[in-house]
Amino acid sequence: MLHIEPDSFPQEDDVHIITLKILPRRLFDKPAECFEDHSTVMVEILPNNLELMHPAKLSLPHCLILKKANASEVQVFHSHHAKDQQPDWENITKSVLYTLLPHCCEIWIEKFSWIKYTISGREVEGKKLFLYTLGKKCTKASNFITAEVGFFPALPGNDRITHDEADFITSSKRTVSVLRGSCRFQIVLNADISSPSLLGS
């Protein structure tokens, strides 16, 4: 969410069409290396480089469960790269105002650009995820079911599992992955493989 004061644009400026796009991290960010990576929203705000007379408040969600909302564990970045170029991220943490909350980070911006932030794992207890299954419906002639099982962070703009063929079905469930020490989480499924409704449950 972007909150802009009514008098933030110079009166002599033309009318601006403001666009806020949620960007998929898998296309524009390095691969996740730590438990807390890819747990925040990255956005592009257009027109790029548009300067405001008053700071605008940008609220970007995260899907982490925090021990406490410690602002010192946040790093804020922006990029003003040219169109069709990869982002050139600059750390602006020391020059921007921000507040870390249990479900989002509020960042006050003075110019439109690409914006992202990260949260250190030192304050992280868990991560909210969606688990999903994807596979073909059972038939009387089939003895085996091939199913894809995966997860994605519970954030706006993340991939949803879709399929055009009518004989494919999906199931999703919100869950929480808890971080214990430096251990990565595991997904454990228990199901009756003889059940025709395995993938729909």
C-alpha atoms as a PDB file:
ATOM      1  CA  MET A   1       0.000   0.000   0.000  1.00  0.00           C
ATOM      2  CA  LEU A   2       1.261   3.474  -0.903  1.00  0.00           C
ATOM      3  CA  HIS A   3      -0.005   6.562   0.940  1.00  0.00           C
ATOM      4  CA  ILE A   4       0.790   9.909  -0.763  1.00  0.00           C
ATOM      5  CA  GLU A   5      -0.078  13.317   0.657  1.00  0.00           C
ATOM      6  CA  PRO A   6      -2.354  15.397  -1.640  1.00  0.00           C
ATOM      7  CA  ASP A   7       0.200  18.216  -2.057  1.00  0.00           C
ATOM      8  CA  SER A   8       3.183  15.969  -2.782  1.00  0.00           C
ATOM      9  CA  PHE A   9       3.452  16.988  -6.454  1.00  0.00           C
ATOM     10  CA  PRO A  10       4.545  20.447  -7.718  1.00  0.00           C
ATOM     11  CA  GLN A  11       1.559  22.369  -9.117  1.00  0.00           C
ATOM     12  CA  GLU A  12       3.294  22.936 -12.447  1.00  0.00           C
ATOM     13  CA  ASP A  13       3.740  19.212 -13.013  1.00  0.00           C
ATOM     14  CA  ASP A  14       1.605  17.306 -15.469  1.00  0.00           C
ATOM     15  CA  VAL A  15      -0.912  14.731 -14.284  1.00  0.00           C
ATOM     16  CA  HIS A  16       0.896  11.536 -13.285  1.00  0.00           C
ATOM     17  CA  ILE A  17      -0.433   8.001 -13.558  1.00  0.00           C
ATOM     18  CA  ILE A  18       1.065   6.195 -10.560  1.00  0.00           C
ATOM     19  CA  THR A  19       1.603   2.450 -10.836  1.00  0.00           C
ATOM     20  CA  LEU A  20       2.776   0.064  -8.120  1.00  0.00           C
ATOM     21  CA  LYS A  21       3.843  -3.384  -9.333  1.00  0.00           C
ATOM     22  CA  ILE A  22       4.655  -6.379  -7.139  1.00  0.00           C
ATOM     23  CA  LEU A  23       7.729  -8.065  -8.629  1.00  0.00           C
ATOM     24  CA  PRO A  24       8.512 -11.815  -8.497  1.00  0.00           C
ATOM     25  CA  ARG A  25      11.798 -12.282  -6.656  1.00  0.00           C
ATOM     26  CA  ARG A  26      12.649 -15.421  -8.633  1.00  0.00           C
ATOM     27  CA  LEU A  27      13.135 -13.181 -11.694  1.00  0.00           C
ATOM     28  CA  PHE A  28      14.807 -10.137 -10.171  1.00  0.00           C
ATOM     29  CA  ASP A  29      16.676 -11.272  -7.067  1.00  0.00           C
ATOM     30  CA  LYS A  30      19.424 -13.749  -6.221  1.00  0.00           C
ATOM     31  CA  PRO A  31      18.381 -17.281  -5.210  1.00  0.00           C
ATOM     32  CA  ALA A  32      17.352 -17.767  -1.590  1.00  0.00           C
ATOM     33  CA  GLU A  33      20.258 -18.862   0.605  1.00  0.00           C
ATOM     34  CA  CYS A  34      18.867 -18.447   4.135  1.00  0.00           C
ATOM     35  CA  PHE A  35      15.601 -19.323   5.865  1.00  0.00           C
ATOM     36  CA  GLU A  36      14.494 -15.662   5.903  1.00  0.00           C
ATOM     37  CA  ASP A  37      15.320 -14.941   2.230  1.00  0.00           C
ATOM     38  CA  HIS A  38      12.489 -14.122  -0.202  1.00  0.00           C
ATOM     39  CA  SER A  39      10.121 -13.423   2.691  1.00  0.00           C
ATOM     40  CA  THR A  40       9.358  -9.777   1.869  1.00  0.00           C
ATOM     41  CA  VAL A  41       7.636  -8.014  -1.024  1.00  0.00           C
ATOM     42  CA  MET A  42       9.614  -6.248  -3.765  1.00  0.00           C
ATOM     43  CA  VAL A  43       7.880  -3.501  -5.784  1.00  0.00           C
ATOM     44  CA  GLU A  44       8.347  -1.111  -8.687  1.00  0.00           C
ATOM     45  CA  ILE A  45       6.736   2.335  -8.390  1.00  0.00           C
ATOM     46  CA  LEU A  46       6.220   4.335 -11.588  1.00  0.00           C
ATOM     47  CA  PRO A  47       6.969   6.887 -12.958  1.00  0.00           C
ATOM     48  CA  ASN A  48      10.568   6.036 -12.103  1.00  0.00           C
ATOM     49  CA  ASN A  49      12.630   8.808 -10.462  1.00  0.00           C
ATOM     50  CA  LEU A  50       9.564  10.984  -9.789  1.00  0.00           C
ATOM     51  CA  GLU A  51      10.466  13.207  -6.815  1.00  0.00           C
ATOM     52  CA  LEU A  52       7.873  14.041  -4.166  1.00  0.00           C
ATOM     53  CA  MET A  53       7.569  17.248  -2.158  1.00  0.00           C
ATOM     54  CA  HIS A  54       6.587  15.198   0.919  1.00  0.00           C
ATOM     55  CA  PRO A  55       7.663  11.631   1.761  1.00  0.00           C
ATOM     56  CA  ALA A  56       5.137   8.915   0.888  1.00  0.00           C
ATOM     57  CA  LYS A  57       4.541   5.939   3.179  1.00  0.00           C
ATOM     58  CA  LEU A  58       5.045   2.570   1.501  1.00  0.00           C
ATOM     59  CA  SER A  59       3.806  -0.490   3.441  1.00  0.00           C
ATOM     60  CA  LEU A  60       5.361  -3.750   2.224  1.00  0.00           C
ATOM     61  CA  PRO A  61       4.245  -7.080   3.763  1.00  0.00           C
ATOM     62  CA  HIS A  62       6.484  -9.881   4.980  1.00  0.00           C
ATOM     63  CA  CYS A  63       5.603 -13.473   5.924  1.00  0.00           C
ATOM     64  CA  LEU A  64       8.025 -13.909   8.812  1.00  0.00           C
ATOM     65  CA  ILE A  65       7.147 -14.599  12.434  1.00  0.00           C
ATOM     66  CA  LEU A  66       9.377 -12.313  14.478  1.00  0.00           C
ATOM     67  CA  LYS A  67      10.632 -12.670  18.024  1.00  0.00           C
ATOM     68  CA  LYS A  68      10.288  -8.894  18.199  1.00  0.00           C
ATOM     69  CA  ALA A  69       9.986  -6.117  15.625  1.00  0.00           C
ATOM     70  CA  ASN A  70      13.571  -4.861  15.815  1.00  0.00           C
ATOM     71  CA  ALA A  71      14.189  -2.133  13.230  1.00  0.00           C
ATOM     72  CA  SER A  72      17.949  -2.623  13.472  1.00  0.00           C
ATOM     73  CA  GLU A  73      17.533  -5.994  11.712  1.00  0.00           C
ATOM     74  CA  VAL A  74      16.129  -4.373   8.522  1.00  0.00           C
ATOM     75  CA  GLN A  75      18.039  -3.460   5.355  1.00  0.00           C
ATOM     76  CA  VAL A  76      16.286  -1.258   2.747  1.00  0.00           C
ATOM     77  CA  PHE A  77      17.363  -1.095  -0.917  1.00  0.00           C
ATOM     78  CA  HIS A  78      16.298   0.813  -4.016  1.00  0.00           C
ATOM     79  CA  SER A  79      17.251   0.812  -7.692  1.00  0.00           C
ATOM     80  CA  HIS A  80      16.845   3.437 -10.430  1.00  0.00           C
ATOM     81  CA  HIS A  81      18.067   1.262 -13.317  1.00  0.00           C
ATOM     82  CA  ALA A  82      16.963   1.840 -16.913  1.00  0.00           C
ATOM     83  CA  LYS A  83      14.033  -0.007 -18.435  1.00  0.00           C
ATOM     84  CA  ASP A  84      14.730  -3.622 -19.481  1.00  0.00           C
ATOM     85  CA  GLN A  85      17.905  -3.660 -17.366  1.00  0.00           C
ATOM     86  CA  GLN A  86      18.545  -5.742 -14.254  1.00  0.00           C
ATOM     87  CA  PRO A  87      18.216  -3.806 -10.963  1.00  0.00           C
ATOM     88  CA  ASP A  88      21.313  -2.199  -9.499  1.00  0.00           C
ATOM     89  CA  TRP A  89      20.483  -2.289  -5.789  1.00  0.00           C
ATOM     90  CA  GLU A  90      21.737   0.447  -3.465  1.00  0.00           C
ATOM     91  CA  ASN A  91      21.507   0.090   0.309  1.00  0.00           C
ATOM     92  CA  ILE A  92      19.652   3.174   1.607  1.00  0.00           C
ATOM     93  CA  THR A  93      19.027   1.939   5.156  1.00  0.00           C
ATOM     94  CA  LYS A  94      20.944   4.812   6.770  1.00  0.00           C
ATOM     95  CA  SER A  95      19.216   7.530   4.741  1.00  0.00           C
ATOM     96  CA  VAL A  96      15.572   6.432   4.851  1.00  0.00           C
ATOM     97  CA  LEU A  97      12.948   6.309   7.610  1.00  0.00           C
ATOM     98  CA  TYR A  98      11.260   2.954   8.203  1.00  0.00           C
ATOM     99  CA  THR A  99       9.339   1.035  10.872  1.00  0.00           C
ATOM    100  CA  LEU A 100       9.256  -2.754  11.150  1.00  0.00           C
ATOM    101  CA  LEU A 101       5.867  -4.122  12.238  1.00  0.00           C
ATOM    102  CA  PRO A 102       4.733  -7.725  12.871  1.00  0.00           C
ATOM    103  CA  HIS A 103       3.231  -8.084   9.361  1.00  0.00           C
ATOM    104  CA  CYS A 104       4.909  -5.396   7.250  1.00  0.00           C
ATOM    105  CA  CYS A 105       7.579  -2.730   7.039  1.00  0.00           C
ATOM    106  CA  GLU A 106       6.587   0.911   6.571  1.00  0.00           C
ATOM    107  CA  ILE A 107       9.126   2.838   4.481  1.00  0.00           C
ATOM    108  CA  TRP A 108       8.981   6.586   3.806  1.00  0.00           C
ATOM    109  CA  ILE A 109      10.170   7.318   0.269  1.00  0.00           C
ATOM    110  CA  GLU A 110      10.947  10.632  -1.446  1.00  0.00           C
ATOM    111  CA  LYS A 111      11.396   9.316  -4.983  1.00  0.00           C
ATOM    112  CA  PHE A 112       9.774   6.506  -6.996  1.00  0.00           C
ATOM    113  CA  SER A 113      11.945   3.499  -7.832  1.00  0.00           C
ATOM    114  CA  TRP A 114      12.243  -0.221  -7.269  1.00  0.00           C
ATOM    115  CA  ILE A 115      12.120  -0.930  -3.521  1.00  0.00           C
ATOM    116  CA  LYS A 116      12.885  -4.027  -1.471  1.00  0.00           C
ATOM    117  CA  TYR A 117      13.912  -4.825   2.092  1.00  0.00           C
ATOM    118  CA  THR A 118      15.322  -7.751   4.029  1.00  0.00           C
ATOM    119  CA  ILE A 119      15.027  -8.862   7.660  1.00  0.00           C
ATOM    120  CA  SER A 120      17.868 -10.545   9.516  1.00  0.00           C
ATOM    121  CA  GLY A 121      17.271 -14.107  10.654  1.00  0.00           C
ATOM    122  CA  ARG A 122      18.391 -13.237  14.186  1.00  0.00           C
ATOM    123  CA  GLU A 123      14.859 -12.016  14.958  1.00  0.00           C
ATOM    124  CA  VAL A 124      12.997 -14.741  13.023  1.00  0.00           C
ATOM    125  CA  GLU A 125      11.073 -17.611  14.625  1.00  0.00           C
ATOM    126  CA  GLY A 126       9.150 -18.901  11.629  1.00  0.00           C
ATOM    127  CA  LYS A 127       7.746 -18.282   8.177  1.00  0.00           C
ATOM    128  CA  LYS A 128       4.161 -18.402   6.901  1.00  0.00           C
ATOM    129  CA  LEU A 129       3.842 -20.652   3.864  1.00  0.00           C
ATOM    130  CA  PHE A 130       1.286 -22.177   1.531  1.00  0.00           C
ATOM    131  CA  LEU A 131       1.740 -25.896   0.888  1.00  0.00           C
ATOM    132  CA  TYR A 132       0.243 -27.268  -2.305  1.00  0.00           C
ATOM    133  CA  THR A 133      -0.274 -30.530  -4.167  1.00  0.00           C
ATOM    134  CA  LEU A 134      -0.806 -30.861  -7.902  1.00  0.00           C
ATOM    135  CA  GLY A 135      -1.663 -34.057  -9.728  1.00  0.00           C
ATOM    136  CA  LYS A 136      -4.082 -35.897 -11.963  1.00  0.00           C
ATOM    137  CA  LYS A 137      -7.406 -37.163 -10.700  1.00  0.00           C
ATOM    138  CA  CYS A 138      -7.556 -40.871  -9.902  1.00  0.00           C
ATOM    139  CA  THR A 139      -9.277 -43.208 -12.327  1.00  0.00           C
ATOM    140  CA  LYS A 140     -10.364 -46.819 -11.948  1.00  0.00           C
ATOM    141  CA  ALA A 141      -7.634 -47.870 -14.391  1.00  0.00           C
ATOM    142  CA  SER A 142      -4.775 -46.102 -12.588  1.00  0.00           C
ATOM    143  CA  ASN A 143      -2.714 -47.841  -9.925  1.00  0.00           C
ATOM    144  CA  PHE A 144      -0.310 -44.981  -9.182  1.00  0.00           C
ATOM    145  CA  ILE A 145      -0.612 -41.261  -8.663  1.00  0.00           C
ATOM    146  CA  THR A 146       2.156 -38.841  -9.584  1.00  0.00           C
ATOM    147  CA  ALA A 147       1.826 -35.690  -7.533  1.00  0.00           C
ATOM    148  CA  GLU A 148       3.900 -32.545  -7.225  1.00  0.00           C
ATOM    149  CA  VAL A 149       4.206 -31.202  -3.677  1.00  0.00           C
ATOM    150  CA  GLY A 150       5.683 -27.815  -2.901  1.00  0.00           C
ATOM    151  CA  PHE A 151       5.358 -24.540  -1.074  1.00  0.00           C
ATOM    152  CA  PHE A 152       5.568 -20.794  -1.568  1.00  0.00           C
ATOM    153  CA  PRO A 153       5.712 -17.876   0.900  1.00  0.00           C
ATOM    154  CA  ALA A 154       2.340 -16.495   2.008  1.00  0.00           C
ATOM    155  CA  LEU A 155       2.877 -13.135   0.294  1.00  0.00           C
ATOM    156  CA  PRO A 156       1.138 -11.074  -2.398  1.00  0.00           C
ATOM    157  CA  GLY A 157       2.578 -11.713  -5.847  1.00  0.00           C
ATOM    158  CA  ASN A 158       3.815 -15.249  -5.249  1.00  0.00           C
ATOM    159  CA  ASP A 159       3.108 -18.020  -7.707  1.00  0.00           C
ATOM    160  CA  ARG A 160      -0.196 -19.824  -7.475  1.00  0.00           C
ATOM    161  CA  ILE A 161      -0.431 -23.303  -8.906  1.00  0.00           C
ATOM    162  CA  THR A 162      -2.668 -23.386 -11.956  1.00  0.00           C
ATOM    163  CA  HIS A 163      -3.241 -25.830 -14.798  1.00  0.00           C
ATOM    164  CA  ASP A 164      -5.379 -25.572 -17.917  1.00  0.00           C
ATOM    165  CA  GLU A 165      -6.243 -29.249 -18.216  1.00  0.00           C
ATOM    166  CA  ALA A 166      -9.519 -30.313 -16.634  1.00  0.00           C
ATOM    167  CA  ASP A 167      -8.106 -33.591 -15.291  1.00  0.00           C
ATOM    168  CA  PHE A 168      -5.651 -31.800 -13.012  1.00  0.00           C
ATOM    169  CA  ILE A 169      -6.639 -30.795  -9.498  1.00  0.00           C
ATOM    170  CA  THR A 170      -4.875 -28.756  -6.852  1.00  0.00           C
ATOM    171  CA  SER A 171      -5.036 -28.379  -3.126  1.00  0.00           C
ATOM    172  CA  SER A 172      -3.391 -25.709  -0.962  1.00  0.00           C
ATOM    173  CA  LYS A 173      -3.102 -25.147   2.761  1.00  0.00           C
ATOM    174  CA  ARG A 174      -1.677 -22.349   4.881  1.00  0.00           C
ATOM    175  CA  THR A 175       0.973 -23.501   7.319  1.00  0.00           C
ATOM    176  CA  VAL A 176       3.833 -22.176   9.435  1.00  0.00           C
ATOM    177  CA  SER A 177       7.425 -23.347   9.178  1.00  0.00           C
ATOM    178  CA  VAL A 178       9.322 -22.928  12.468  1.00  0.00           C
ATOM    179  CA  LEU A 179      13.052 -22.233  12.482  1.00  0.00           C
ATOM    180  CA  ARG A 180      15.033 -24.184  15.090  1.00  0.00           C
ATOM    181  CA  GLY A 181      18.670 -23.215  15.287  1.00  0.00           C
ATOM    182  CA  SER A 182      20.222 -23.367  11.823  1.00  0.00           C
ATOM    183  CA  CYS A 183      18.086 -26.316  10.686  1.00  0.00           C
ATOM    184  CA  ARG A 184      16.035 -26.092   7.522  1.00  0.00           C
ATOM    185  CA  PHE A 185      12.398 -27.115   7.714  1.00  0.00           C
ATOM    186  CA  GLN A 186      10.961 -30.334   6.345  1.00  0.00           C
ATOM    187  CA  ILE A 187       7.561 -31.080   4.805  1.00  0.00           C
ATOM    188  CA  VAL A 188       6.153 -34.427   5.941  1.00  0.00           C
ATOM    189  CA  LEU A 189       2.961 -35.803   4.355  1.00  0.00           C
ATOM    190  CA  ASN A 190       1.004 -38.741   5.724  1.00  0.00           C
ATOM    191  CA  ALA A 191      -1.741 -40.083   3.465  1.00  0.00           C
ATOM    192  CA  ASP A 192      -3.580 -43.261   2.542  1.00  0.00           C
ATOM    193  CA  ILE A 193      -2.357 -44.003  -0.983  1.00  0.00           C
ATOM    194  CA  SER A 194      -5.468 -46.043  -1.680  1.00  0.00           C
ATOM    195  CA  SER A 195      -7.709 -43.023  -1.250  1.00  0.00           C
ATOM    196  CA  PRO A 196      -9.124 -41.668  -4.560  1.00  0.00           C
ATOM    197  CA  SER A 197      -9.403 -38.220  -2.960  1.00  0.00           C
ATOM    198  CA  LEU A 198      -5.747 -38.040  -1.942  1.00  0.00           C
ATOM    199  CA  LEU A 199      -4.971 -34.892  -3.878  1.00  0.00           C
ATOM    200  CA  GLY A 200      -8.196 -33.144  -3.019  1.00  0.00           C
ATOM    201  CA  SER A 201      -7.943 -33.530   0.740  1.00  0.00           C
END
